[in-house]
Amino acid sequence: MDYASLFANRLQDIQDIQSLYTELRTKAGEYKLIASTRPRRAILPIVGKALSYLFGTVSQSEFNTIKHNVKKLYKNQESIIHVVDQSLSILNVSRIEISKNRASINSLILNLKQFELQFQGLVANLTNEVTLIKNFLSLDYKLKFILDELKHLTLQCLRYVEYFNDQLNMLSLGHISPSVLKPADLKSLLLEIRSQLPSTVHLSADPSLKLWHYYKFLTCSTKLDVDKIYVILTIPLLDSTKKLEIFYAHNLPAPMQTKYVHAKTPHTSGLVAKYQLESQMFAVNSERTQYVLLTESEVEVCTNRLVKTCSIKSPLYPINLSQLCVIALFMQTQN
């Protein structure tokens, strides 16, 4: 809005009113001159009104009304002039204040522009800092994720190493255990072996019912390769056609009879006789046609109460061709 043109228009209106007021006072002054030089008429008001009606002259009452209205107009004009003067004063003060406010607003706008530039610089710096912090946090998060994965993999490797160590400890003992070979895997292996055996050969126990029986006596050997470990199980198989009975020969000394002694001496009566047996432990088949002399290791394995079977590697000999004393005594006992 253009305040200067508005105030100029209002000032022009006031000047027009002042010129009209001056013209009005001039004309009113002329009426005063006329009223003061003219002698009073001695005409009654009723006659004056009649003459005024007939000849167009002004009566005293009408003249008084005109004077009253002129005075009232004069007072109104003075009031208007006073109001206009006050309005002009207010307009002048307002114009000064508006000029001051305009200067203040211009200064404020300039300061705001400077502040905007500073704020833009601050925003740019903060944006750079936030970008750096964001990149740092992103790298830190990625690094933490990688470290967590490495930690998880390391712990998993440690568990594998501990499990591998336990398996090696069990394998070093030469004994199979559930940690080395799971029960389900052992059962599946034994059932597969049993399905491929001939009719005369069978396992020592049913894997479906006595799986723990195999864990108690199965032995194993380990072969290490570059990237593999081979575990070799020794699974005993029973041959129904080659069952052997194990016997223990008790060689007890017996007193000698003097009638069988050719050279008698004073000490002959205290002598005892004892067989010189080739072996104390031997095995004979059920048909009594073959025998085998057991070694100490075979005796130890075959007499183990936990193991119901044993593997005999010593050779079998026919009984009818035997020249051994222990076999001869055994056969005489059977007769």
Protein backbone atom coordinates (compact mmCIF):
# COMPACT_ATOMS: atom_id res chain seq x y z
CA MET A 1 0.00 0.00 0.00
CA ASP A 2 1.25 3.52 -0.94
CA TYR A 3 0.84 5.55 2.26
CA ALA A 4 2.30 8.75 0.74
CA SER A 5 -0.37 9.03 -1.97
CA LEU A 6 -3.08 8.22 0.57
CA PHE A 7 -1.92 10.98 2.92
CA ALA A 8 -1.63 13.41 -0.04
CA ASN A 9 -5.24 12.71 -1.03
CA ARG A 10 -6.43 13.27 2.52
CA LEU A 11 -4.48 16.55 2.72
CA GLN A 12 -6.05 17.69 -0.55
CA ASP A 13 -9.51 16.93 0.87
CA ILE A 14 -8.72 18.99 3.97
CA GLN A 15 -7.53 21.88 1.84
CA ASP A 16 -10.73 21.71 -0.21
CA ILE A 17 -12.77 21.80 2.98
CA GLN A 18 -10.76 24.79 4.23
CA SER A 19 -11.36 26.68 0.94
CA LEU A 20 -15.07 25.92 1.13
CA TYR A 21 -15.10 27.04 4.75
CA THR A 22 -13.35 30.31 3.82
CA GLU A 23 -15.84 30.93 1.04
CA LEU A 24 -18.68 30.20 3.45
CA ARG A 25 -17.35 32.66 6.03
CA THR A 26 -16.94 35.28 3.38
CA LYS A 27 -20.53 34.89 2.26
CA ALA A 28 -21.76 34.80 5.83
CA GLY A 29 -19.81 37.98 6.55
CA GLU A 30 -21.59 39.69 3.70
CA TYR A 31 -24.89 38.75 5.28
CA LYS A 32 -23.69 40.27 8.57
CA LEU A 33 -22.86 43.54 6.82
CA ILE A 34 -26.26 43.58 5.31
CA ALA A 35 -27.95 42.88 8.62
CA SER A 36 -25.97 45.51 10.53
CA THR A 37 -26.58 48.46 8.06
CA ARG A 38 -30.17 47.72 7.32
CA PRO A 39 -32.70 49.31 9.71
CA ARG A 40 -35.11 47.18 11.55
CA ARG A 41 -38.52 46.75 10.13
CA ALA A 42 -41.59 47.50 12.20
CA ILE A 43 -43.65 44.91 10.60
CA LEU A 44 -45.45 42.34 12.62
CA PRO A 45 -44.39 38.81 12.14
CA ILE A 46 -47.67 37.87 10.57
CA VAL A 47 -47.46 40.80 8.16
CA GLY A 48 -43.83 39.99 7.46
CA LYS A 49 -44.73 36.45 6.58
CA ALA A 50 -47.52 37.65 4.35
CA LEU A 51 -45.26 40.14 2.62
CA SER A 52 -42.60 37.49 2.33
CA TYR A 53 -45.12 35.23 0.71
CA LEU A 54 -46.37 38.00 -1.59
CA PHE A 55 -43.13 39.77 -2.50
CA GLY A 56 -40.50 37.06 -1.80
CA THR A 57 -38.73 38.87 1.06
CA VAL A 58 -37.15 37.15 4.05
CA SER A 59 -38.90 37.23 7.38
CA GLN A 60 -37.17 37.75 10.70
CA SER A 61 -37.77 34.19 11.85
CA GLU A 62 -36.30 32.77 8.72
CA PHE A 63 -33.35 35.06 9.04
CA ASN A 64 -32.83 33.96 12.64
CA THR A 65 -32.98 30.36 11.52
CA ILE A 66 -30.40 31.06 8.86
CA LYS A 67 -28.14 32.75 11.42
CA HIS A 68 -28.53 29.83 13.79
CA ASN A 69 -27.69 27.35 11.06
CA VAL A 70 -24.72 29.45 9.97
CA LYS A 71 -23.39 29.53 13.55
CA LYS A 72 -23.97 25.82 13.85
CA LEU A 73 -22.19 25.27 10.56
CA TYR A 74 -19.35 27.48 11.78
CA LYS A 75 -18.97 25.44 14.93
CA ASN A 76 -19.09 22.25 12.90
CA GLN A 77 -16.45 23.62 10.56
CA GLU A 78 -14.26 24.52 13.54
CA SER A 79 -14.74 21.02 14.92
CA ILE A 80 -13.89 19.56 11.53
CA ILE A 81 -10.80 21.77 11.30
CA HIS A 82 -9.74 20.66 14.79
CA VAL A 83 -10.31 17.04 13.91
CA VAL A 84 -8.48 17.48 10.62
CA ASP A 85 -5.57 19.15 12.42
CA GLN A 86 -5.42 16.28 14.90
CA SER A 87 -5.67 13.80 12.05
CA LEU A 88 -2.85 15.55 10.23
CA SER A 89 -0.77 15.46 13.40
CA ILE A 90 -1.52 11.80 13.85
CA LEU A 91 -0.76 11.18 10.19
CA ASN A 92 2.53 13.03 10.50
CA VAL A 93 3.44 11.08 13.64
CA SER A 94 2.33 7.86 11.98
CA ARG A 95 4.37 8.71 8.91
CA ILE A 96 7.43 9.30 11.08
CA GLU A 97 6.82 6.09 13.00
CA ILE A 98 6.20 4.23 9.77
CA SER A 99 9.48 5.57 8.42
CA LYS A 100 11.21 4.41 11.58
CA ASN A 101 9.46 1.07 11.37
CA ARG A 102 10.41 0.81 7.72
CA ALA A 103 14.03 1.48 8.61
CA SER A 104 13.79 -1.07 11.42
CA ILE A 105 12.17 -3.56 9.08
CA ASN A 106 14.85 -2.98 6.45
CA SER A 107 17.52 -3.44 9.12
CA LEU A 108 15.74 -6.57 10.34
CA ILE A 109 15.53 -7.90 6.78
CA LEU A 110 19.24 -7.23 6.31
CA ASN A 111 20.03 -8.98 9.60
CA LEU A 112 17.78 -11.86 8.62
CA LYS A 113 19.61 -12.18 5.31
CA GLN A 114 22.93 -12.23 7.16
CA PHE A 115 21.50 -14.71 9.63
CA GLU A 116 20.22 -16.79 6.73
CA LEU A 117 23.70 -16.87 5.22
CA GLN A 118 25.21 -17.80 8.58
CA PHE A 119 22.49 -20.37 9.14
CA GLN A 120 23.08 -21.86 5.69
CA GLY A 121 26.77 -22.11 6.49
CA LEU A 122 25.94 -23.73 9.83
CA VAL A 123 23.55 -26.15 8.12
CA ALA A 124 26.24 -27.02 5.58
CA ASN A 125 28.77 -27.66 8.36
CA LEU A 126 26.25 -29.69 10.33
CA THR A 127 25.36 -31.63 7.19
CA ASN A 128 29.02 -32.45 6.65
CA GLU A 129 29.41 -33.44 10.30
CA VAL A 130 26.24 -35.55 10.21
CA THR A 131 27.44 -37.19 6.99
CA LEU A 132 30.79 -37.99 8.58
CA ILE A 133 29.08 -39.32 11.72
CA LYS A 134 26.65 -41.33 9.59
CA ASN A 135 29.49 -42.83 7.57
CA PHE A 136 31.41 -43.56 10.77
CA LEU A 137 28.39 -45.22 12.39
CA SER A 138 27.77 -47.21 9.22
CA LEU A 139 31.38 -48.41 9.18
CA ASP A 140 31.22 -49.11 12.91
CA TYR A 141 28.04 -51.14 12.45
CA LYS A 142 29.59 -53.11 9.60
CA LEU A 143 32.74 -53.67 11.65
CA LYS A 144 30.69 -54.82 14.64
CA PHE A 145 28.71 -57.16 12.40
CA ILE A 146 31.92 -58.62 10.99
CA LEU A 147 33.41 -58.98 14.49
CA ASP A 148 30.25 -60.69 15.74
CA GLU A 149 30.39 -63.08 12.80
CA LEU A 150 34.07 -63.77 13.47
CA LYS A 151 33.29 -64.33 17.14
CA HIS A 152 30.47 -66.70 16.26
CA LEU A 153 32.66 -68.59 13.79
CA THR A 154 35.50 -68.73 16.32
CA LEU A 155 33.21 -70.14 19.01
CA GLN A 156 31.83 -72.63 16.52
CA CYS A 157 35.36 -73.66 15.55
CA LEU A 158 36.23 -74.06 19.24
CA ARG A 159 33.23 -76.33 19.71
CA TYR A 160 34.28 -78.34 16.66
CA VAL A 161 37.83 -78.57 17.98
CA GLU A 162 36.60 -79.71 21.40
CA TYR A 163 34.32 -82.25 19.76
CA PHE A 164 37.17 -83.40 17.52
CA ASN A 165 39.45 -83.63 20.56
CA ASP A 166 36.91 -85.77 22.41
CA GLN A 167 36.61 -88.04 19.40
CA LEU A 168 40.39 -88.36 19.14
CA ASN A 169 40.58 -89.18 22.84
CA MET A 170 38.02 -91.93 22.42
CA LEU A 171 39.67 -93.22 19.25
CA SER A 172 43.08 -93.26 20.94
CA LEU A 173 41.66 -95.73 23.46
CA GLY A 174 40.77 -98.07 20.60
CA HIS A 175 37.16 -98.20 21.73
CA ILE A 176 34.02 -97.08 19.92
CA SER A 177 31.69 -94.65 21.72
CA PRO A 178 28.39 -92.85 20.96
CA SER A 179 30.27 -89.56 20.56
CA VAL A 180 32.35 -91.06 17.74
CA LEU A 181 29.61 -93.09 16.07
CA LYS A 182 26.03 -92.11 16.78
CA PRO A 183 23.64 -94.91 17.81
CA ALA A 184 21.47 -94.39 14.74
CA ASP A 185 24.50 -94.66 12.45
CA LEU A 186 25.82 -97.76 14.23
CA LYS A 187 22.43 -99.43 14.07
CA SER A 188 22.09 -98.63 10.38
CA LEU A 189 25.60 -100.00 9.73
CA LEU A 190 24.96 -103.25 11.61
CA LEU A 191 21.61 -103.81 9.92
CA GLU A 192 23.22 -103.27 6.53
CA ILE A 193 25.98 -105.77 7.39
CA ARG A 194 23.44 -108.31 8.62
CA SER A 195 21.44 -108.01 5.41
CA GLN A 196 24.51 -108.99 3.36
CA LEU A 197 25.67 -111.97 5.49
CA PRO A 198 25.22 -115.59 4.34
CA SER A 199 22.76 -117.80 6.16
CA THR A 200 25.42 -119.58 8.24
CA VAL A 201 26.94 -116.33 9.56
CA HIS A 202 25.19 -113.85 11.87
CA LEU A 203 25.90 -111.03 14.30
CA SER A 204 26.56 -111.66 17.95
CA ALA A 205 23.39 -109.74 19.00
CA ASP A 206 20.36 -108.10 17.44
CA PRO A 207 21.20 -104.40 16.77
CA SER A 208 17.56 -103.38 17.22
CA LEU A 209 17.40 -104.83 20.75
CA LYS A 210 20.96 -104.88 22.11
CA LEU A 211 22.75 -101.94 20.54
CA TRP A 212 24.54 -101.09 23.79
CA HIS A 213 26.05 -104.60 23.65
CA TYR A 214 28.17 -103.49 20.69
CA TYR A 215 29.30 -100.26 22.37
CA LYS A 216 30.66 -102.31 25.28
CA PHE A 217 33.00 -104.58 23.35
CA LEU A 218 33.52 -103.13 19.85
CA THR A 219 37.07 -102.03 19.22
CA CYS A 220 38.39 -99.79 16.49
CA SER A 221 41.61 -98.62 14.91
CA THR A 222 42.27 -95.17 13.45
CA LYS A 223 44.10 -94.19 10.28
CA LEU A 224 44.91 -90.50 9.75
CA ASP A 225 45.03 -89.05 6.26
CA VAL A 226 45.72 -85.50 5.04
CA ASP A 227 42.13 -84.31 5.38
CA LYS A 228 40.34 -87.43 6.59
CA ILE A 229 40.25 -89.80 9.54
CA TYR A 230 39.45 -93.42 8.83
CA VAL A 231 37.92 -95.41 11.69
CA ILE A 232 38.12 -99.17 11.19
CA LEU A 233 35.67 -101.22 13.24
CA THR A 234 36.19 -104.86 14.07
CA ILE A 235 32.72 -106.42 14.12
CA PRO A 236 32.72 -110.08 15.19
CA LEU A 237 30.62 -112.51 13.18
CA LEU A 238 29.43 -115.89 14.41
CA ASP A 239 29.69 -118.93 12.15
CA SER A 240 27.09 -121.50 13.15
CA THR A 241 29.18 -124.28 11.58
CA LYS A 242 32.30 -123.48 13.59
CA LYS A 243 31.30 -123.23 17.21
CA LEU A 244 34.04 -124.15 19.66
CA GLU A 245 33.90 -125.08 23.32
CA ILE A 246 36.73 -123.77 25.49
CA PHE A 247 38.24 -126.02 28.13
CA TYR A 248 40.68 -125.34 30.91
CA ALA A 249 43.02 -128.22 31.84
CA HIS A 250 43.74 -128.51 35.54
CA ASN A 251 47.10 -130.25 35.93
CA LEU A 252 47.08 -131.58 39.50
CA PRO A 253 50.11 -133.46 40.94
CA ALA A 254 49.47 -137.09 42.05
CA PRO A 255 51.54 -139.20 44.52
CA MET A 256 53.79 -141.76 42.88
CA GLN A 257 53.41 -145.44 43.69
CA THR A 258 56.75 -147.14 44.60
CA LYS A 259 56.01 -150.25 42.59
CA TYR A 260 56.37 -148.22 39.40
CA VAL A 261 59.77 -146.82 40.46
CA HIS A 262 62.78 -148.78 39.20
CA ALA A 263 65.51 -147.16 41.31
CA LYS A 264 64.24 -146.80 44.82
CA THR A 265 65.90 -144.42 47.28
CA PRO A 266 65.04 -143.27 50.80
CA HIS A 267 63.26 -140.26 49.35
CA THR A 268 61.18 -142.19 46.82
CA SER A 269 58.11 -142.33 49.05
CA GLY A 270 57.74 -138.49 48.93
CA LEU A 271 57.62 -138.10 45.14
CA VAL A 272 54.58 -136.89 43.18
CA ALA A 273 53.81 -137.22 39.47
CA LYS A 274 52.46 -134.45 37.17
CA TYR A 275 51.68 -134.29 33.43
CA GLN A 276 53.61 -131.96 31.21
CA LEU A 277 50.75 -130.41 29.22
CA GLU A 278 51.32 -128.45 26.02
CA SER A 279 48.62 -125.85 26.93
CA GLN A 280 46.16 -125.25 29.73
CA MET A 281 43.47 -123.69 27.48
CA PHE A 282 42.19 -125.30 24.30
CA ALA A 283 39.00 -125.33 22.28
CA VAL A 284 37.21 -128.22 20.63
CA ASN A 285 34.37 -128.15 18.12
CA SER A 286 31.01 -129.68 18.88
CA GLU A 287 31.70 -132.67 16.61
CA ARG A 288 34.95 -133.35 18.49
CA THR A 289 36.87 -133.56 15.25
CA GLN A 290 39.02 -130.42 15.52
CA TYR A 291 40.87 -128.61 18.25
CA VAL A 292 42.92 -125.44 18.70
CA LEU A 293 45.47 -124.48 21.33
CA LEU A 294 44.79 -120.95 22.63
CA THR A 295 47.47 -118.34 23.17
CA GLU A 296 47.57 -116.11 26.25
CA SER A 297 45.99 -113.18 24.39
CA GLU A 298 43.23 -115.41 23.04
CA VAL A 299 42.66 -116.81 26.50
CA GLU A 300 42.34 -113.28 27.91
CA VAL A 301 39.83 -112.23 25.27
CA CYS A 302 37.79 -115.42 25.25
CA THR A 303 37.47 -115.51 29.04
CA ASN A 304 36.22 -111.91 29.29
CA ARG A 305 32.73 -111.97 30.77
CA LEU A 306 31.69 -108.74 29.07
CA VAL A 307 32.50 -110.10 25.61
CA LYS A 308 30.37 -113.03 24.59
CA THR A 309 32.45 -113.80 21.51
CA CYS A 310 36.12 -113.95 20.66
CA SER A 311 38.25 -114.23 17.57
CA ILE A 312 40.68 -117.15 17.47
CA LYS A 313 43.56 -116.82 15.06
CA SER A 314 45.40 -119.99 16.02
CA PRO A 315 45.13 -122.87 13.51
CA LEU A 316 42.69 -125.74 13.81
CA TYR A 317 44.05 -129.29 13.89
CA PRO A 318 42.29 -132.63 13.44
CA ILE A 319 41.94 -134.53 16.69
CA ASN A 320 42.59 -137.95 15.19
CA LEU A 321 46.06 -136.85 14.08
CA SER A 322 46.99 -135.14 17.31
CA GLN A 323 50.06 -136.28 19.27
CA LEU A 324 49.53 -133.89 22.17
CA CYS A 325 49.14 -135.12 25.69
CA VAL A 326 46.41 -132.65 26.61
CA ILE A 327 44.26 -133.73 23.67
CA ALA A 328 44.84 -137.39 24.44
CA LEU A 329 43.78 -136.87 28.03
CA PHE A 330 40.71 -134.95 26.88
CA MET A 331 39.63 -137.67 24.48
CA GLN A 332 40.16 -140.36 27.13
CA THR A 333 37.95 -138.34 29.45
CA GLN A 334 35.25 -138.24 26.83
CA ASN A 335 35.51 -142.01 26.32
